Amino acid sequence: MDKFIVTLRKTKTRRDIHDWEEVQPSCSSNKLEPEVAEGSTCKNSSNSSTTPDEQLDNECSTRSSRISDSSLESELSEDASVEPEGSEMPKITVLLERVATSYKVILKCFIKKTVLDRYKNNIGALVVNDPSNFLELNKMYFGAELELYLSGNNTIIDKAELHSFKRRALDFYIELCIQIKSRFNFSSDVLHFASFFEPNLVISGDILSIAQAGLFFSGLDIDMEELNVEWNLASEVGKNFSDLDLQGFWASINEQKNSLG
């Protein structure tokens, strides 16, 4: 680690000198001269017996004394805190739930609650353009701004215009939901299976078998009985790692498994 810090310090020093030389006059100039360390000499490059690399190393040594350890460590800390691109945590285990939840929020604006309750476990099967599923137009929700506008004491709006506006807004809701359904499969067995691996669900012990993995990974030689035994052990062992995220949780489970042999 010490060698790593020294290397970084010298690299930074070289960069500082390069930037400094671009704005400072050279030693051979008759104008202002750059500050030099005590005991060092400033010679014209034409009379110097040292090579350019040696000159750079000498200047590195001089300049490095001016860089405080605290400032360097601060910069290293800031650099270390920046996550690299593409480091976002995987979300496939919660993808189905999150999209379904957002979709239901939209449906609540214009679909009857009794209908939503009927399809709560199969929301993708709900027919969004069936008028029998709709709330009354005056009970639909079209946003807080409209609600505030209509509740204003000085608001005067033609009833026919308001009705027309709400009909167009309803058409927008319907088309939005149709487009979402055309792009996302709420009945996906793969996404449903992936949700089993969310740490909270694993720890709950509600899922006793993941034998259906054989359907999705038929090309692999998997002993389903052994897989289910390990799965149920994971629900117990996983309670020790309930505070970890998805990657940390399964990495810890794997570590525990390997340590047991």
C-alpha atoms as a PDB file:
ATOM      1  CA  MET A   1       0.000   0.000   0.000  1.00  0.00           C
ATOM      2  CA  ASP A   2       2.895   2.412   0.809  1.00  0.00           C
ATOM      3  CA  LYS A   3       4.402   1.813  -2.640  1.00  0.00           C
ATOM      4  CA  PHE A   4       0.965   2.392  -4.158  1.00  0.00           C
ATOM      5  CA  ILE A   5       0.652   5.788  -2.399  1.00  0.00           C
ATOM      6  CA  VAL A   6       4.186   6.817  -3.419  1.00  0.00           C
ATOM      7  CA  THR A   7       3.494   5.905  -7.041  1.00  0.00           C
ATOM      8  CA  LEU A   8       0.279   7.918  -7.024  1.00  0.00           C
ATOM      9  CA  ARG A   9       2.060  10.851  -5.397  1.00  0.00           C
ATOM     10  CA  LYS A  10       4.838  10.879  -7.970  1.00  0.00           C
ATOM     11  CA  THR A  11       2.345  10.543 -10.814  1.00  0.00           C
ATOM     12  CA  LYS A  12       0.376  13.473  -9.459  1.00  0.00           C
ATOM     13  CA  THR A  13       3.593  15.475  -8.990  1.00  0.00           C
ATOM     14  CA  ARG A  14       4.624  14.929 -12.592  1.00  0.00           C
ATOM     15  CA  ARG A  15       1.229  16.138 -13.705  1.00  0.00           C
ATOM     16  CA  ASP A  16       1.475  19.233 -11.481  1.00  0.00           C
ATOM     17  CA  ILE A  17       4.892  20.104 -12.902  1.00  0.00           C
ATOM     18  CA  HIS A  18       3.662  19.680 -16.445  1.00  0.00           C
ATOM     19  CA  ASP A  19       0.761  22.073 -15.791  1.00  0.00           C
ATOM     20  CA  TRP A  20       3.027  24.471 -13.864  1.00  0.00           C
ATOM     21  CA  GLU A  21       5.605  24.652 -16.656  1.00  0.00           C
ATOM     22  CA  GLU A  22       2.907  25.648 -19.148  1.00  0.00           C
ATOM     23  CA  VAL A  23       2.226  28.891 -17.267  1.00  0.00           C
ATOM     24  CA  GLN A  24       5.621  29.647 -15.658  1.00  0.00           C
ATOM     25  CA  PRO A  25       8.644  31.199 -17.458  1.00  0.00           C
ATOM     26  CA  SER A  26      11.653  28.969 -17.978  1.00  0.00           C
ATOM     27  CA  CYS A  27      14.810  29.155 -15.849  1.00  0.00           C
ATOM     28  CA  SER A  28      16.726  30.810 -18.700  1.00  0.00           C
ATOM     29  CA  SER A  29      14.238  33.694 -18.829  1.00  0.00           C
ATOM     30  CA  ASN A  30      15.405  37.123 -17.695  1.00  0.00           C
ATOM     31  CA  LYS A  31      11.956  37.733 -16.232  1.00  0.00           C
ATOM     32  CA  LEU A  32      10.411  36.111 -13.199  1.00  0.00           C
ATOM     33  CA  GLU A  33      12.066  32.857 -12.208  1.00  0.00           C
ATOM     34  CA  PRO A  34      10.195  29.891 -10.742  1.00  0.00           C
ATOM     35  CA  GLU A  35      10.711  29.081  -7.112  1.00  0.00           C
ATOM     36  CA  VAL A  36      13.415  26.471  -6.513  1.00  0.00           C
ATOM     37  CA  ALA A  37      14.342  24.459  -3.476  1.00  0.00           C
ATOM     38  CA  GLU A  38      17.225  25.584  -1.292  1.00  0.00           C
ATOM     39  CA  GLY A  39      20.575  24.396  -2.608  1.00  0.00           C
ATOM     40  CA  SER A  40      19.345  23.791  -6.129  1.00  0.00           C
ATOM     41  CA  THR A  41      20.762  25.657  -9.132  1.00  0.00           C
ATOM     42  CA  CYS A  42      19.081  27.025 -12.194  1.00  0.00           C
ATOM     43  CA  LYS A  43      21.033  26.418 -15.381  1.00  0.00           C
ATOM     44  CA  ASN A  44      20.411  27.101 -18.985  1.00  0.00           C
ATOM     45  CA  SER A  45      19.277  23.953 -20.759  1.00  0.00           C
ATOM     46  CA  SER A  46      22.027  24.373 -23.352  1.00  0.00           C
ATOM     47  CA  ASN A  47      24.746  24.176 -20.629  1.00  0.00           C
ATOM     48  CA  SER A  48      23.128  21.477 -18.545  1.00  0.00           C
ATOM     49  CA  SER A  49      24.841  18.132 -18.341  1.00  0.00           C
ATOM     50  CA  THR A  50      21.704  16.395 -17.058  1.00  0.00           C
ATOM     51  CA  THR A  51      19.241  14.654 -19.323  1.00  0.00           C
ATOM     52  CA  PRO A  52      15.589  15.812 -19.590  1.00  0.00           C
ATOM     53  CA  ASP A  53      14.469  12.771 -17.564  1.00  0.00           C
ATOM     54  CA  GLU A  54      16.928  13.591 -14.773  1.00  0.00           C
ATOM     55  CA  GLN A  55      15.768  17.202 -14.747  1.00  0.00           C
ATOM     56  CA  LEU A  56      12.161  16.033 -14.457  1.00  0.00           C
ATOM     57  CA  ASP A  57      13.039  13.668 -11.609  1.00  0.00           C
ATOM     58  CA  ASN A  58      14.848  16.484  -9.775  1.00  0.00           C
ATOM     59  CA  GLU A  59      11.885  18.797 -10.182  1.00  0.00           C
ATOM     60  CA  CYS A  60       9.562  15.972  -9.071  1.00  0.00           C
ATOM     61  CA  SER A  61      11.527  15.666  -5.839  1.00  0.00           C
ATOM     62  CA  THR A  62      11.351  19.423  -5.274  1.00  0.00           C
ATOM     63  CA  ARG A  63       7.670  19.712  -6.011  1.00  0.00           C
ATOM     64  CA  SER A  64       6.677  16.608  -4.035  1.00  0.00           C
ATOM     65  CA  SER A  65       7.720  18.319  -0.803  1.00  0.00           C
ATOM     66  CA  ARG A  66       5.022  20.927  -1.404  1.00  0.00           C
ATOM     67  CA  ILE A  67       2.193  18.412  -1.721  1.00  0.00           C
ATOM     68  CA  SER A  68       0.737  17.640   1.675  1.00  0.00           C
ATOM     69  CA  ASP A  69      -0.170  14.091   2.571  1.00  0.00           C
ATOM     70  CA  SER A  70      -3.548  15.260   3.803  1.00  0.00           C
ATOM     71  CA  SER A  71      -4.551  16.826   0.491  1.00  0.00           C
ATOM     72  CA  LEU A  72      -3.394  13.766  -1.450  1.00  0.00           C
ATOM     73  CA  GLU A  73      -5.237  11.383   0.841  1.00  0.00           C
ATOM     74  CA  SER A  74      -8.320  13.574   0.521  1.00  0.00           C
ATOM     75  CA  GLU A  75      -8.184  13.365  -3.257  1.00  0.00           C
ATOM     76  CA  LEU A  76      -7.653   9.602  -3.123  1.00  0.00           C
ATOM     77  CA  SER A  77     -10.675   9.292  -0.852  1.00  0.00           C
ATOM     78  CA  GLU A  78     -12.835  11.298  -3.225  1.00  0.00           C
ATOM     79  CA  ASP A  79     -11.686   9.196  -6.174  1.00  0.00           C
ATOM     80  CA  ALA A  80     -12.417   5.986  -4.288  1.00  0.00           C
ATOM     81  CA  SER A  81     -15.939   7.126  -3.473  1.00  0.00           C
ATOM     82  CA  VAL A  82     -16.884   7.424  -7.144  1.00  0.00           C
ATOM     83  CA  GLU A  83     -18.555   4.261  -8.386  1.00  0.00           C
ATOM     84  CA  PRO A  84     -17.450   3.091 -11.834  1.00  0.00           C
ATOM     85  CA  GLU A  85     -19.912   3.120 -14.687  1.00  0.00           C
ATOM     86  CA  GLY A  86     -22.016   0.008 -14.951  1.00  0.00           C
ATOM     87  CA  SER A  87     -21.796  -0.713 -11.208  1.00  0.00           C
ATOM     88  CA  GLU A  88     -25.531  -0.458 -10.645  1.00  0.00           C
ATOM     89  CA  MET A  89     -26.933  -3.325  -8.595  1.00  0.00           C
ATOM     90  CA  PRO A  90     -28.988  -5.975 -10.424  1.00  0.00           C
ATOM     91  CA  LYS A  91     -32.746  -5.517 -10.103  1.00  0.00           C
ATOM     92  CA  ILE A  92     -34.178  -8.528 -11.928  1.00  0.00           C
ATOM     93  CA  THR A  93     -35.460 -10.005  -8.658  1.00  0.00           C
ATOM     94  CA  VAL A  94     -37.704  -6.983  -8.057  1.00  0.00           C
ATOM     95  CA  LEU A  95     -38.432  -6.050 -11.680  1.00  0.00           C
ATOM     96  CA  LEU A  96     -41.833  -7.754 -11.873  1.00  0.00           C
ATOM     97  CA  GLU A  97     -43.019  -6.344  -8.555  1.00  0.00           C
ATOM     98  CA  ARG A  98     -41.903  -2.779  -9.287  1.00  0.00           C
ATOM     99  CA  VAL A  99     -43.398  -2.589 -12.768  1.00  0.00           C
ATOM    100  CA  ALA A 100     -46.640  -4.192 -11.550  1.00  0.00           C
ATOM    101  CA  THR A 101     -46.855  -1.718  -8.659  1.00  0.00           C
ATOM    102  CA  SER A 102     -46.353   1.285 -10.951  1.00  0.00           C
ATOM    103  CA  TYR A 103     -48.906  -0.129 -13.387  1.00  0.00           C
ATOM    104  CA  LYS A 104     -51.482  -0.552 -10.612  1.00  0.00           C
ATOM    105  CA  VAL A 105     -50.984   3.073  -9.547  1.00  0.00           C
ATOM    106  CA  ILE A 106     -52.005   4.169 -13.053  1.00  0.00           C
ATOM    107  CA  LEU A 107     -54.985   1.797 -13.112  1.00  0.00           C
ATOM    108  CA  LYS A 108     -56.267   3.145  -9.795  1.00  0.00           C
ATOM    109  CA  CYS A 109     -56.869   6.492 -11.483  1.00  0.00           C
ATOM    110  CA  PHE A 110     -59.702   5.169 -13.654  1.00  0.00           C
ATOM    111  CA  ILE A 111     -60.463   1.494 -12.835  1.00  0.00           C
ATOM    112  CA  LYS A 112     -62.930   0.370 -10.166  1.00  0.00           C
ATOM    113  CA  LYS A 113     -61.391  -0.937  -6.941  1.00  0.00           C
ATOM    114  CA  THR A 114     -63.482  -4.110  -7.092  1.00  0.00           C
ATOM    115  CA  VAL A 115     -62.002  -4.879 -10.514  1.00  0.00           C
ATOM    116  CA  LEU A 116     -58.451  -4.207  -9.311  1.00  0.00           C
ATOM    117  CA  ASP A 117     -58.977  -6.538  -6.350  1.00  0.00           C
ATOM    118  CA  ARG A 118     -60.241  -9.248  -8.682  1.00  0.00           C
ATOM    119  CA  TYR A 119     -57.065  -9.070 -10.783  1.00  0.00           C
ATOM    120  CA  LYS A 120     -54.530  -8.279  -8.050  1.00  0.00           C
ATOM    121  CA  ASN A 121     -52.650 -11.544  -8.668  1.00  0.00           C
ATOM    122  CA  ASN A 122     -52.933 -11.378 -12.443  1.00  0.00           C
ATOM    123  CA  ILE A 123     -52.926  -7.681 -13.248  1.00  0.00           C
ATOM    124  CA  GLY A 124     -51.883  -8.255 -16.853  1.00  0.00           C
ATOM    125  CA  ALA A 125     -55.191  -9.980 -17.610  1.00  0.00           C
ATOM    126  CA  LEU A 126     -57.278  -6.912 -16.778  1.00  0.00           C
ATOM    127  CA  VAL A 127     -58.896  -5.434 -19.915  1.00  0.00           C
ATOM    128  CA  VAL A 128     -58.111  -1.728 -19.667  1.00  0.00           C
ATOM    129  CA  ASN A 129     -60.425  -0.562 -22.478  1.00  0.00           C
ATOM    130  CA  ASP A 130     -63.572  -2.246 -21.156  1.00  0.00           C
ATOM    131  CA  PRO A 131     -65.970   0.550 -20.045  1.00  0.00           C
ATOM    132  CA  SER A 132     -67.572  -1.757 -17.483  1.00  0.00           C
ATOM    133  CA  ASN A 133     -64.295  -1.637 -15.554  1.00  0.00           C
ATOM    134  CA  PHE A 134     -64.213   2.173 -15.399  1.00  0.00           C
ATOM    135  CA  LEU A 135     -65.002   4.480 -12.522  1.00  0.00           C
ATOM    136  CA  GLU A 136     -67.556   7.190 -13.191  1.00  0.00           C
ATOM    137  CA  LEU A 137     -65.885  10.006 -15.111  1.00  0.00           C
ATOM    138  CA  ASN A 138     -66.317  12.518 -12.282  1.00  0.00           C
ATOM    139  CA  LYS A 139     -64.664  10.076  -9.840  1.00  0.00           C
ATOM    140  CA  MET A 140     -61.546   9.490 -11.936  1.00  0.00           C
ATOM    141  CA  TYR A 141     -58.283  11.068 -10.869  1.00  0.00           C
ATOM    142  CA  PHE A 142     -56.511  13.342 -13.349  1.00  0.00           C
ATOM    143  CA  GLY A 143     -53.803  14.882 -11.177  1.00  0.00           C
ATOM    144  CA  ALA A 144     -53.425  17.232  -8.217  1.00  0.00           C
ATOM    145  CA  GLU A 145     -53.158  20.390 -10.320  1.00  0.00           C
ATOM    146  CA  LEU A 146     -56.544  19.802 -11.947  1.00  0.00           C
ATOM    147  CA  GLU A 147     -58.105  19.046  -8.560  1.00  0.00           C
ATOM    148  CA  LEU A 148     -56.749  22.311  -7.132  1.00  0.00           C
ATOM    149  CA  TYR A 149     -57.808  24.268 -10.199  1.00  0.00           C
ATOM    150  CA  LEU A 150     -61.372  22.975 -10.082  1.00  0.00           C
ATOM    151  CA  SER A 151     -61.655  23.593  -6.344  1.00  0.00           C
ATOM    152  CA  GLY A 152     -60.671  27.269  -6.709  1.00  0.00           C
ATOM    153  CA  ASN A 153     -63.332  29.788  -5.718  1.00  0.00           C
ATOM    154  CA  ASN A 154     -62.922  31.819  -8.899  1.00  0.00           C
ATOM    155  CA  THR A 155     -62.761  28.876 -11.288  1.00  0.00           C
ATOM    156  CA  ILE A 156     -65.293  29.082 -14.085  1.00  0.00           C
ATOM    157  CA  ILE A 157     -65.188  26.340 -16.704  1.00  0.00           C
ATOM    158  CA  ASP A 158     -67.736  25.119 -19.204  1.00  0.00           C
ATOM    159  CA  LYS A 159     -69.092  21.677 -18.236  1.00  0.00           C
ATOM    160  CA  ALA A 160     -68.937  20.409 -21.814  1.00  0.00           C
ATOM    161  CA  GLU A 161     -65.294  21.455 -22.098  1.00  0.00           C
ATOM    162  CA  LEU A 162     -64.448  19.799 -18.791  1.00  0.00           C
ATOM    163  CA  HIS A 163     -66.199  16.602 -19.881  1.00  0.00           C
ATOM    164  CA  SER A 164     -64.304  16.644 -23.183  1.00  0.00           C
ATOM    165  CA  PHE A 165     -61.007  17.191 -21.370  1.00  0.00           C
ATOM    166  CA  LYS A 166     -61.604  14.252 -19.034  1.00  0.00           C
ATOM    167  CA  ARG A 167     -62.580  12.003 -21.939  1.00  0.00           C
ATOM    168  CA  ARG A 168     -59.295  12.796 -23.692  1.00  0.00           C
ATOM    169  CA  ALA A 169     -57.383  12.212 -20.456  1.00  0.00           C
ATOM    170  CA  LEU A 170     -59.133   8.846 -20.088  1.00  0.00           C
ATOM    171  CA  ASP A 171     -58.121   7.945 -23.643  1.00  0.00           C
ATOM    172  CA  PHE A 172     -54.538   8.762 -22.666  1.00  0.00           C
ATOM    173  CA  TYR A 173     -54.720   6.466 -19.615  1.00  0.00           C
ATOM    174  CA  ILE A 174     -56.094   3.625 -21.738  1.00  0.00           C
ATOM    175  CA  GLU A 175     -53.450   3.985 -24.439  1.00  0.00           C
ATOM    176  CA  LEU A 176     -50.675   4.264 -21.841  1.00  0.00           C
ATOM    177  CA  CYS A 177     -51.746   0.999 -20.200  1.00  0.00           C
ATOM    178  CA  ILE A 178     -52.076  -0.765 -23.559  1.00  0.00           C
ATOM    179  CA  GLN A 179     -48.540   0.295 -24.481  1.00  0.00           C
ATOM    180  CA  ILE A 180     -47.145  -0.892 -21.131  1.00  0.00           C
ATOM    181  CA  LYS A 181     -48.842  -4.281 -21.541  1.00  0.00           C
ATOM    182  CA  SER A 182     -47.465  -4.627 -25.066  1.00  0.00           C
ATOM    183  CA  ARG A 183     -43.922  -4.102 -23.781  1.00  0.00           C
ATOM    184  CA  PHE A 184     -43.955  -5.973 -20.487  1.00  0.00           C
ATOM    185  CA  ASN A 185     -45.113  -9.521 -19.803  1.00  0.00           C
ATOM    186  CA  PHE A 186     -46.761  -9.530 -16.379  1.00  0.00           C
ATOM    187  CA  SER A 187     -47.226 -13.302 -16.703  1.00  0.00           C
ATOM    188  CA  SER A 188     -43.544 -14.061 -17.313  1.00  0.00           C
ATOM    189  CA  ASP A 189     -42.618 -17.302 -15.533  1.00  0.00           C
ATOM    190  CA  VAL A 190     -38.945 -16.338 -15.691  1.00  0.00           C
ATOM    191  CA  LEU A 191     -39.460 -13.005 -13.913  1.00  0.00           C
ATOM    192  CA  HIS A 192     -41.731 -14.672 -11.366  1.00  0.00           C
ATOM    193  CA  PHE A 193     -39.044 -17.286 -10.699  1.00  0.00           C
ATOM    194  CA  ALA A 194     -36.339 -14.595 -10.439  1.00  0.00           C
ATOM    195  CA  SER A 195     -38.319 -12.872  -7.688  1.00  0.00           C
ATOM    196  CA  PHE A 196     -37.802 -15.950  -5.465  1.00  0.00           C
ATOM    197  CA  PHE A 197     -34.171 -14.908  -4.997  1.00  0.00           C
ATOM    198  CA  GLU A 198     -34.946 -11.593  -3.332  1.00  0.00           C
ATOM    199  CA  PRO A 199     -33.307 -11.888   0.158  1.00  0.00           C
ATOM    200  CA  ASN A 200     -36.484 -11.063   2.104  1.00  0.00           C
ATOM    201  CA  LEU A 201     -38.423 -13.792   0.305  1.00  0.00           C
ATOM    202  CA  VAL A 202     -35.598 -16.324   0.725  1.00  0.00           C
ATOM    203  CA  ILE A 203     -35.419 -15.687   4.474  1.00  0.00           C
ATOM    204  CA  SER A 204     -39.201 -15.943   4.860  1.00  0.00           C
ATOM    205  CA  GLY A 205     -39.092 -19.648   3.967  1.00  0.00           C
ATOM    206  CA  ASP A 206     -42.357 -19.303   2.031  1.00  0.00           C
ATOM    207  CA  ILE A 207     -40.811 -20.840  -1.096  1.00  0.00           C
ATOM    208  CA  LEU A 208     -40.070 -24.478  -0.270  1.00  0.00           C
ATOM    209  CA  SER A 209     -39.020 -25.598  -3.735  1.00  0.00           C
ATOM    210  CA  ILE A 210     -37.266 -24.125  -6.760  1.00  0.00           C
ATOM    211  CA  ALA A 211     -37.535 -27.318  -8.788  1.00  0.00           C
ATOM    212  CA  GLN A 212     -38.969 -25.301 -11.665  1.00  0.00           C
ATOM    213  CA  ALA A 213     -35.385 -24.181 -12.295  1.00  0.00           C
ATOM    214  CA  GLY A 214     -35.188 -27.378 -14.319  1.00  0.00           C
ATOM    215  CA  LEU A 215     -37.608 -25.823 -16.818  1.00  0.00           C
ATOM    216  CA  PHE A 216     -35.421 -22.781 -17.382  1.00  0.00           C
ATOM    217  CA  PHE A 217     -32.049 -24.547 -17.244  1.00  0.00           C
ATOM    218  CA  SER A 218     -32.879 -27.844 -18.916  1.00  0.00           C
ATOM    219  CA  GLY A 219     -29.421 -28.003 -20.493  1.00  0.00           C
ATOM    220  CA  LEU A 220     -27.730 -28.252 -17.095  1.00  0.00           C
ATOM    221  CA  ASP A 221     -27.272 -31.448 -15.121  1.00  0.00           C
ATOM    222  CA  ILE A 222     -28.999 -30.403 -11.896  1.00  0.00           C
ATOM    223  CA  ASP A 223     -29.976 -32.688  -9.023  1.00  0.00           C
ATOM    224  CA  MET A 224     -33.315 -31.121  -8.070  1.00  0.00           C
ATOM    225  CA  GLU A 225     -33.458 -32.792  -4.655  1.00  0.00           C
ATOM    226  CA  GLU A 226     -30.002 -31.545  -3.707  1.00  0.00           C
ATOM    227  CA  LEU A 227     -30.858 -28.101  -5.074  1.00  0.00           C
ATOM    228  CA  ASN A 228     -33.979 -27.888  -2.913  1.00  0.00           C
ATOM    229  CA  VAL A 229     -32.058 -29.020   0.185  1.00  0.00           C
ATOM    230  CA  GLU A 230     -29.515 -26.236  -0.361  1.00  0.00           C
ATOM    231  CA  TRP A 231     -32.327 -23.772  -1.034  1.00  0.00           C
ATOM    232  CA  ASN A 232     -34.018 -24.525   2.283  1.00  0.00           C
ATOM    233  CA  LEU A 233     -30.684 -24.301   4.101  1.00  0.00           C
ATOM    234  CA  ALA A 234     -30.184 -20.887   2.501  1.00  0.00           C
ATOM    235  CA  SER A 235     -33.431 -19.647   4.049  1.00  0.00           C
ATOM    236  CA  GLU A 236     -32.004 -20.426   7.506  1.00  0.00           C
ATOM    237  CA  VAL A 237     -28.397 -19.341   6.944  1.00  0.00           C
ATOM    238  CA  GLY A 238     -29.589 -16.212   5.153  1.00  0.00           C
ATOM    239  CA  LYS A 239     -31.109 -14.821   8.346  1.00  0.00           C
ATOM    240  CA  ASN A 240     -27.578 -13.903   9.410  1.00  0.00           C
ATOM    241  CA  PHE A 241     -27.188 -11.700   6.340  1.00  0.00           C
ATOM    242  CA  SER A 242     -30.602 -10.030   6.214  1.00  0.00           C
ATOM    243  CA  ASP A 243     -29.068  -6.543   6.256  1.00  0.00           C
ATOM    244  CA  LEU A 244     -27.084  -7.088   3.032  1.00  0.00           C
ATOM    245  CA  ASP A 245     -28.106  -6.195  -0.506  1.00  0.00           C
ATOM    246  CA  LEU A 246     -28.794  -8.841  -3.152  1.00  0.00           C
ATOM    247  CA  GLN A 247     -25.174  -9.350  -4.223  1.00  0.00           C
ATOM    248  CA  GLY A 248     -23.783  -9.267  -0.689  1.00  0.00           C
ATOM    249  CA  PHE A 249     -26.471 -11.661   0.528  1.00  0.00           C
ATOM    250  CA  TRP A 250     -25.774 -14.365  -2.050  1.00  0.00           C
ATOM    251  CA  ALA A 251     -22.001 -13.877  -1.852  1.00  0.00           C
ATOM    252  CA  SER A 252     -22.215 -14.516   1.905  1.00  0.00           C
ATOM    253  CA  ILE A 253     -24.444 -17.567   1.381  1.00  0.00           C
ATOM    254  CA  ASN A 254     -21.920 -18.951  -1.101  1.00  0.00           C
ATOM    255  CA  GLU A 255     -19.031 -18.262   1.285  1.00  0.00           C
ATOM    256  CA  GLN A 256     -20.848 -20.075   4.073  1.00  0.00           C
ATOM    257  CA  LYS A 257     -21.580 -23.038   1.794  1.00  0.00           C
ATOM    258  CA  ASN A 258     -17.932 -23.327   0.717  1.00  0.00           C
ATOM    259  CA  SER A 259     -16.689 -23.136   4.304  1.00  0.00           C
ATOM    260  CA  LEU A 260     -18.916 -26.078   5.245  1.00  0.00           C
ATOM    261  CA  GLY A 261     -17.565 -28.111   2.344  1.00  0.00           C
END
